[in-house]
Amino acid sequence: MPTFVRRIAFVFGVLVGAVALALIFAPEFMASVWPWPIKPLSSRALGRLFLAAATVQFAAAVERRWSAMRIAVQSAILWLSMLLVSTVLAFDQFDTSRPGTWMFLAFLVIEWSLAVGSYTGLESKRKRAESVLGSVR
């Protein structure tokens, strides 16, 4: 994978990981800034999901082979897409007066866009390489 994609994955891994740890270890604080009402148990559970996402980001940051990350990126795009749809459907439950709401939405849209853009670009590159190799054989 290109260096710039791996660097972006690392930055997102750090951000998602920090949010995950805050959800797990500071659920009361996170309840005060989270976009929708959240209880401590839900905060900790959500934090663990975010920690899994951060782990995938860190894996992408160190993995040089697109073939090794391809399915993980497809899964991330599906997960982020479902999260975006869920957000739209339940937006009336979001507290729009909290800056965390807008940060969450911006982060979600940016991460989805980067994942789709990276996937599209790297798949296109892979297919071009396959077609060149196929014509040589």
N, C-alpha and C. Protein backbone atom coordinates (compact mmCIF):
# COMPACT_ATOMS: atom_id res chain seq x y z
N MET A 1 0.85 -1.17 0.00
CA MET A 1 0.00 0.00 0.00
C MET A 1 0.90 1.24 0.00
N PRO A 2 0.45 2.28 -0.66
CA PRO A 2 1.26 3.51 -0.71
C PRO A 2 1.50 4.08 0.69
N THR A 3 2.62 4.74 0.84
CA THR A 3 3.01 5.31 2.12
C THR A 3 1.97 6.31 2.64
N PHE A 4 1.44 7.17 1.76
CA PHE A 4 0.48 8.17 2.24
C PHE A 4 -0.80 7.51 2.77
N VAL A 5 -1.22 6.39 2.18
CA VAL A 5 -2.41 5.68 2.66
C VAL A 5 -2.11 5.09 4.04
N ARG A 6 -0.91 4.53 4.19
CA ARG A 6 -0.54 3.96 5.47
C ARG A 6 -0.42 5.02 6.55
N ARG A 7 0.07 6.20 6.19
CA ARG A 7 0.17 7.29 7.17
C ARG A 7 -1.21 7.77 7.61
N ILE A 8 -2.11 7.91 6.66
CA ILE A 8 -3.49 8.31 6.99
C ILE A 8 -4.13 7.26 7.89
N ALA A 9 -3.90 5.99 7.57
CA ALA A 9 -4.45 4.90 8.41
C ALA A 9 -3.91 5.00 9.83
N PHE A 10 -2.64 5.34 9.97
CA PHE A 10 -2.05 5.47 11.31
C PHE A 10 -2.71 6.62 12.08
N VAL A 11 -2.88 7.76 11.43
CA VAL A 11 -3.50 8.92 12.08
C VAL A 11 -4.93 8.56 12.52
N PHE A 12 -5.67 7.92 11.63
CA PHE A 12 -7.04 7.54 11.99
C PHE A 12 -7.04 6.48 13.08
N GLY A 13 -6.05 5.59 13.07
CA GLY A 13 -5.94 4.60 14.13
C GLY A 13 -5.73 5.26 15.48
N VAL A 14 -4.88 6.27 15.52
CA VAL A 14 -4.64 7.00 16.77
C VAL A 14 -5.92 7.70 17.24
N LEU A 15 -6.60 8.37 16.31
CA LEU A 15 -7.83 9.10 16.68
C LEU A 15 -8.93 8.15 17.15
N VAL A 16 -9.16 7.09 16.39
CA VAL A 16 -10.20 6.13 16.76
C VAL A 16 -9.82 5.42 18.05
N GLY A 17 -8.55 5.10 18.19
CA GLY A 17 -8.08 4.46 19.42
C GLY A 17 -8.26 5.33 20.64
N ALA A 18 -7.99 6.63 20.50
CA ALA A 18 -8.16 7.56 21.61
C ALA A 18 -9.63 7.65 22.02
N VAL A 19 -10.51 7.72 21.03
CA VAL A 19 -11.95 7.76 21.33
C VAL A 19 -12.37 6.45 21.99
N ALA A 20 -11.86 5.33 21.49
CA ALA A 20 -12.19 4.02 22.06
C ALA A 20 -11.78 3.95 23.53
N LEU A 21 -10.56 4.36 23.82
CA LEU A 21 -10.09 4.32 25.21
C LEU A 21 -10.90 5.25 26.10
N ALA A 22 -11.25 6.42 25.59
CA ALA A 22 -12.09 7.34 26.37
C ALA A 22 -13.46 6.73 26.64
N LEU A 23 -14.04 6.08 25.63
CA LEU A 23 -15.35 5.44 25.83
C LEU A 23 -15.27 4.33 26.88
N ILE A 24 -14.16 3.61 26.90
CA ILE A 24 -13.99 2.50 27.84
C ILE A 24 -13.68 3.00 29.25
N PHE A 25 -12.73 3.93 29.37
CA PHE A 25 -12.22 4.32 30.68
C PHE A 25 -12.81 5.61 31.25
N ALA A 26 -13.50 6.38 30.43
CA ALA A 26 -14.13 7.61 30.91
C ALA A 26 -15.56 7.72 30.37
N PRO A 27 -16.39 6.71 30.64
CA PRO A 27 -17.73 6.70 30.06
C PRO A 27 -18.60 7.87 30.50
N GLU A 28 -18.42 8.34 31.73
CA GLU A 28 -19.23 9.46 32.21
C GLU A 28 -18.90 10.74 31.44
N PHE A 29 -17.60 10.97 31.22
CA PHE A 29 -17.21 12.14 30.44
C PHE A 29 -17.72 12.01 29.00
N MET A 30 -17.55 10.84 28.40
CA MET A 30 -17.97 10.65 27.01
C MET A 30 -19.48 10.81 26.86
N ALA A 31 -20.24 10.45 27.92
CA ALA A 31 -21.69 10.64 27.87
C ALA A 31 -22.03 12.13 27.75
N SER A 32 -21.17 12.98 28.29
CA SER A 32 -21.45 14.42 28.25
C SER A 32 -21.11 15.05 26.90
N VAL A 33 -20.33 14.37 26.07
CA VAL A 33 -19.95 14.94 24.77
C VAL A 33 -20.42 14.09 23.59
N TRP A 34 -20.90 12.87 23.87
CA TRP A 34 -21.27 11.96 22.80
C TRP A 34 -22.50 12.49 22.05
N PRO A 35 -22.60 12.23 20.74
CA PRO A 35 -23.70 12.78 19.93
C PRO A 35 -25.10 12.34 20.34
N TRP A 36 -25.24 11.19 20.95
CA TRP A 36 -26.55 10.72 21.38
C TRP A 36 -26.44 10.24 22.82
N PRO A 37 -27.58 10.11 23.51
CA PRO A 37 -27.52 9.65 24.91
C PRO A 37 -26.88 8.26 25.00
N ILE A 38 -25.95 8.11 25.94
CA ILE A 38 -25.23 6.85 26.07
C ILE A 38 -24.99 6.57 27.55
N LYS A 39 -25.22 5.32 27.94
CA LYS A 39 -24.99 4.90 29.33
C LYS A 39 -23.60 4.29 29.44
N PRO A 40 -23.05 4.20 30.66
CA PRO A 40 -21.70 3.69 30.83
C PRO A 40 -21.45 2.30 30.18
N LEU A 41 -22.37 1.37 30.35
CA LEU A 41 -22.17 0.05 29.76
C LEU A 41 -22.14 0.12 28.24
N SER A 42 -23.05 0.89 27.67
CA SER A 42 -23.05 1.08 26.21
C SER A 42 -21.79 1.77 25.74
N SER A 43 -21.31 2.72 26.53
CA SER A 43 -20.08 3.43 26.20
C SER A 43 -18.90 2.45 26.13
N ARG A 44 -18.82 1.58 27.12
CA ARG A 44 -17.72 0.62 27.15
C ARG A 44 -17.82 -0.37 25.99
N ALA A 45 -19.03 -0.81 25.68
CA ALA A 45 -19.21 -1.74 24.55
C ALA A 45 -18.86 -1.06 23.23
N LEU A 46 -19.32 0.16 23.05
CA LEU A 46 -19.02 0.93 21.85
C LEU A 46 -17.51 1.19 21.75
N GLY A 47 -16.90 1.45 22.88
CA GLY A 47 -15.46 1.66 22.91
C GLY A 47 -14.69 0.45 22.40
N ARG A 48 -15.16 -0.71 22.74
CA ARG A 48 -14.50 -1.94 22.27
C ARG A 48 -14.67 -2.12 20.76
N LEU A 49 -15.82 -1.74 20.24
CA LEU A 49 -16.00 -1.78 18.78
C LEU A 49 -15.05 -0.80 18.10
N PHE A 50 -14.92 0.39 18.68
CA PHE A 50 -14.00 1.37 18.12
C PHE A 50 -12.55 0.89 18.24
N LEU A 51 -12.25 0.18 19.32
CA LEU A 51 -10.90 -0.35 19.49
C LEU A 51 -10.59 -1.38 18.40
N ALA A 52 -11.57 -2.17 18.03
CA ALA A 52 -11.38 -3.13 16.92
C ALA A 52 -11.11 -2.37 15.62
N ALA A 53 -11.84 -1.29 15.40
CA ALA A 53 -11.63 -0.48 14.19
C ALA A 53 -10.23 0.15 14.20
N ALA A 54 -9.78 0.60 15.36
CA ALA A 54 -8.43 1.18 15.47
C ALA A 54 -7.37 0.12 15.17
N THR A 55 -7.60 -1.10 15.60
CA THR A 55 -6.66 -2.19 15.34
C THR A 55 -6.51 -2.42 13.84
N VAL A 56 -7.63 -2.38 13.12
CA VAL A 56 -7.58 -2.54 11.66
C VAL A 56 -6.81 -1.37 11.04
N GLN A 57 -7.03 -0.17 11.56
CA GLN A 57 -6.31 1.01 11.05
C GLN A 57 -4.80 0.83 11.25
N PHE A 58 -4.41 0.35 12.43
CA PHE A 58 -2.98 0.15 12.70
C PHE A 58 -2.41 -0.96 11.81
N ALA A 59 -3.21 -1.99 11.56
CA ALA A 59 -2.75 -3.05 10.65
C ALA A 59 -2.52 -2.49 9.25
N ALA A 60 -3.43 -1.63 8.81
CA ALA A 60 -3.28 -0.99 7.49
C ALA A 60 -2.06 -0.07 7.46
N ALA A 61 -1.73 0.51 8.60
CA ALA A 61 -0.59 1.43 8.67
C ALA A 61 0.75 0.71 8.49
N VAL A 62 0.81 -0.55 8.86
CA VAL A 62 2.09 -1.28 8.76
C VAL A 62 2.14 -2.25 7.59
N GLU A 63 0.99 -2.58 7.02
CA GLU A 63 0.95 -3.57 5.93
C GLU A 63 1.25 -2.90 4.59
N ARG A 64 2.19 -3.43 3.88
CA ARG A 64 2.58 -2.86 2.58
C ARG A 64 1.81 -3.48 1.42
N ARG A 65 1.24 -4.65 1.62
CA ARG A 65 0.56 -5.35 0.52
C ARG A 65 -0.94 -5.03 0.52
N TRP A 66 -1.43 -4.53 -0.60
CA TRP A 66 -2.86 -4.27 -0.76
C TRP A 66 -3.64 -5.57 -0.64
N SER A 67 -3.10 -6.65 -1.17
CA SER A 67 -3.81 -7.93 -1.13
C SER A 67 -4.10 -8.38 0.30
N ALA A 68 -3.26 -7.99 1.25
CA ALA A 68 -3.47 -8.38 2.65
C ALA A 68 -4.55 -7.54 3.33
N MET A 69 -4.83 -6.35 2.82
CA MET A 69 -5.79 -5.45 3.46
C MET A 69 -7.10 -5.31 2.70
N ARG A 70 -7.16 -5.87 1.53
CA ARG A 70 -8.30 -5.67 0.64
C ARG A 70 -9.64 -6.04 1.30
N ILE A 71 -9.74 -7.21 1.88
CA ILE A 71 -11.00 -7.65 2.49
C ILE A 71 -11.30 -6.81 3.73
N ALA A 72 -10.28 -6.46 4.50
CA ALA A 72 -10.50 -5.61 5.68
C ALA A 72 -11.05 -4.25 5.27
N VAL A 73 -10.54 -3.69 4.18
CA VAL A 73 -11.03 -2.39 3.71
C VAL A 73 -12.47 -2.52 3.20
N GLN A 74 -12.77 -3.62 2.51
CA GLN A 74 -14.15 -3.86 2.06
C GLN A 74 -15.08 -3.92 3.27
N SER A 75 -14.66 -4.62 4.31
CA SER A 75 -15.46 -4.74 5.53
C SER A 75 -15.64 -3.38 6.20
N ALA A 76 -14.56 -2.59 6.22
CA ALA A 76 -14.64 -1.25 6.82
C ALA A 76 -15.61 -0.36 6.05
N ILE A 77 -15.57 -0.45 4.72
CA ILE A 77 -16.49 0.35 3.90
C ILE A 77 -17.94 -0.06 4.19
N LEU A 78 -18.18 -1.35 4.31
CA LEU A 78 -19.54 -1.82 4.63
C LEU A 78 -19.97 -1.32 6.00
N TRP A 79 -19.09 -1.45 7.00
CA TRP A 79 -19.40 -1.01 8.36
C TRP A 79 -19.67 0.49 8.41
N LEU A 80 -18.79 1.26 7.77
CA LEU A 80 -18.96 2.72 7.75
C LEU A 80 -20.23 3.12 7.00
N SER A 81 -20.54 2.41 5.92
CA SER A 81 -21.77 2.70 5.16
C SER A 81 -23.00 2.45 6.02
N MET A 82 -23.00 1.34 6.74
CA MET A 82 -24.14 1.05 7.62
C MET A 82 -24.24 2.08 8.74
N LEU A 83 -23.09 2.52 9.24
CA LEU A 83 -23.09 3.54 10.28
C LEU A 83 -23.63 4.87 9.75
N LEU A 84 -23.27 5.21 8.52
CA LEU A 84 -23.79 6.44 7.91
C LEU A 84 -25.31 6.36 7.72
N VAL A 85 -25.80 5.24 7.21
CA VAL A 85 -27.24 5.07 7.02
C VAL A 85 -27.96 5.13 8.36
N SER A 86 -27.41 4.45 9.36
CA SER A 86 -28.02 4.46 10.69
C SER A 86 -28.05 5.88 11.27
N THR A 87 -26.98 6.62 11.02
CA THR A 87 -26.91 8.00 11.51
C THR A 87 -28.00 8.85 10.88
N VAL A 88 -28.19 8.70 9.58
CA VAL A 88 -29.23 9.47 8.89
C VAL A 88 -30.61 9.08 9.43
N LEU A 89 -30.84 7.78 9.60
CA LEU A 89 -32.15 7.31 10.06
C LEU A 89 -32.47 7.73 11.49
N ALA A 90 -31.44 7.87 12.32
CA ALA A 90 -31.67 8.18 13.73
C ALA A 90 -31.19 9.58 14.10
N PHE A 91 -31.02 10.44 13.11
CA PHE A 91 -30.45 11.75 13.38
C PHE A 91 -31.28 12.57 14.36
N ASP A 92 -32.56 12.31 14.46
CA ASP A 92 -33.40 13.05 15.40
C ASP A 92 -33.02 12.75 16.85
N GLN A 93 -32.27 11.68 17.09
CA GLN A 93 -31.82 11.34 18.44
C GLN A 93 -30.47 11.96 18.78
N PHE A 94 -29.84 12.61 17.81
CA PHE A 94 -28.55 13.26 18.03
C PHE A 94 -28.77 14.62 18.67
N ASP A 95 -27.86 14.98 19.55
CA ASP A 95 -27.91 16.29 20.18
C ASP A 95 -27.05 17.24 19.34
N THR A 96 -27.71 18.01 18.47
CA THR A 96 -26.99 18.87 17.52
C THR A 96 -26.34 20.09 18.19
N SER A 97 -26.61 20.29 19.48
CA SER A 97 -25.97 21.41 20.18
C SER A 97 -24.56 21.04 20.65
N ARG A 98 -24.22 19.76 20.60
CA ARG A 98 -22.90 19.31 21.04
C ARG A 98 -21.91 19.32 19.88
N PRO A 99 -20.75 19.93 20.08
CA PRO A 99 -19.72 19.90 19.03
C PRO A 99 -19.32 18.46 18.66
N GLY A 100 -19.42 17.56 19.65
CA GLY A 100 -19.07 16.16 19.39
C GLY A 100 -19.92 15.53 18.30
N THR A 101 -21.16 16.01 18.17
CA THR A 101 -22.04 15.50 17.11
C THR A 101 -21.45 15.81 15.74
N TRP A 102 -21.04 17.04 15.56
CA TRP A 102 -20.52 17.46 14.26
C TRP A 102 -19.14 16.87 14.00
N MET A 103 -18.35 16.69 15.06
CA MET A 103 -17.05 16.03 14.90
C MET A 103 -17.24 14.58 14.50
N PHE A 104 -18.20 13.90 15.13
CA PHE A 104 -18.51 12.51 14.81
C PHE A 104 -18.93 12.39 13.34
N LEU A 105 -19.85 13.25 12.92
CA LEU A 105 -20.33 13.20 11.54
C LEU A 105 -19.22 13.51 10.54
N ALA A 106 -18.42 14.52 10.82
CA ALA A 106 -17.32 14.87 9.91
C ALA A 106 -16.33 13.73 9.82
N PHE A 107 -15.97 13.18 10.96
CA PHE A 107 -15.03 12.07 10.99
C PHE A 107 -15.56 10.88 10.20
N LEU A 108 -16.84 10.58 10.38
CA LEU A 108 -17.46 9.45 9.70
C LEU A 108 -17.46 9.65 8.18
N VAL A 109 -17.84 10.82 7.73
CA VAL A 109 -17.86 11.11 6.29
C VAL A 109 -16.45 11.10 5.71
N ILE A 110 -15.50 11.70 6.43
CA ILE A 110 -14.12 11.73 5.94
C ILE A 110 -13.54 10.32 5.87
N GLU A 111 -13.76 9.53 6.93
CA GLU A 111 -13.20 8.17 6.93
C GLU A 111 -13.84 7.31 5.84
N TRP A 112 -15.14 7.43 5.65
CA TRP A 112 -15.81 6.68 4.59
C TRP A 112 -15.25 7.10 3.22
N SER A 113 -15.11 8.40 3.01
CA SER A 113 -14.59 8.90 1.73
C SER A 113 -13.18 8.41 1.47
N LEU A 114 -12.34 8.45 2.49
CA LEU A 114 -10.96 7.98 2.33
C LEU A 114 -10.90 6.47 2.07
N ALA A 115 -11.75 5.72 2.75
CA ALA A 115 -11.78 4.27 2.56
C ALA A 115 -12.23 3.93 1.14
N VAL A 116 -13.30 4.56 0.69
CA VAL A 116 -13.81 4.31 -0.67
C VAL A 116 -12.80 4.78 -1.71
N GLY A 117 -12.22 5.95 -1.50
CA GLY A 117 -11.23 6.47 -2.44
C GLY A 117 -9.99 5.58 -2.52
N SER A 118 -9.50 5.16 -1.36
CA SER A 118 -8.33 4.27 -1.34
C SER A 118 -8.66 2.94 -2.01
N TYR A 119 -9.81 2.39 -1.68
CA TYR A 119 -10.20 1.11 -2.27
C TYR A 119 -10.30 1.22 -3.79
N THR A 120 -10.98 2.24 -4.26
CA THR A 120 -11.16 2.44 -5.69
C THR A 120 -9.82 2.60 -6.40
N GLY A 121 -8.97 3.44 -5.84
CA GLY A 121 -7.66 3.67 -6.45
C GLY A 121 -6.77 2.45 -6.45
N LEU A 122 -6.71 1.75 -5.32
CA LEU A 122 -5.83 0.58 -5.22
C LEU A 122 -6.37 -0.60 -6.03
N GLU A 123 -7.68 -0.74 -6.11
CA GLU A 123 -8.26 -1.80 -6.94
C GLU A 123 -8.00 -1.53 -8.42
N SER A 124 -8.12 -0.27 -8.81
CA SER A 124 -7.85 0.11 -10.20
C SER A 124 -6.40 -0.20 -10.56
N LYS A 125 -5.50 0.13 -9.65
CA LYS A 125 -4.08 -0.15 -9.86
C LYS A 125 -3.84 -1.66 -9.96
N ARG A 126 -4.49 -2.42 -9.09
CA ARG A 126 -4.34 -3.89 -9.10
C ARG A 126 -4.84 -4.47 -10.41
N LYS A 127 -5.99 -3.99 -10.89
CA LYS A 127 -6.56 -4.52 -12.14
C LYS A 127 -5.71 -4.15 -13.35
N ARG A 128 -5.15 -2.94 -13.34
CA ARG A 128 -4.24 -2.57 -14.43
C ARG A 128 -3.01 -3.47 -14.44
N ALA A 129 -2.47 -3.75 -13.26
CA ALA A 129 -1.29 -4.62 -13.17
C ALA A 129 -1.63 -6.03 -13.64
N GLU A 130 -2.81 -6.51 -13.28
CA GLU A 130 -3.23 -7.85 -13.72
C GLU A 130 -3.38 -7.89 -15.23
N SER A 131 -3.95 -6.84 -15.82
CA SER A 131 -4.14 -6.84 -17.27
C SER A 131 -2.80 -6.77 -18.01
N VAL A 132 -1.85 -6.03 -17.45
CA VAL A 132 -0.51 -5.97 -18.06
C VAL A 132 0.16 -7.32 -17.94
N LEU A 133 0.08 -7.93 -16.78
CA LEU A 133 0.69 -9.25 -16.61
C LEU A 133 -0.02 -10.31 -17.47
N GLY A 134 -1.33 -10.17 -17.60
CA GLY A 134 -2.08 -11.12 -18.41
C GLY A 134 -1.71 -11.01 -19.88
N SER A 135 -1.45 -9.82 -20.36
CA SER A 135 -1.09 -9.64 -21.77
C SER A 135 0.34 -10.08 -22.05
N VAL A 136 1.18 -10.12 -21.01
CA VAL A 136 2.56 -10.56 -21.18
C VAL A 136 2.63 -12.08 -21.26
N ARG A 137 1.74 -12.75 -20.56
CA ARG A 137 1.75 -14.21 -20.51
C ARG A 137 1.29 -14.75 -21.79
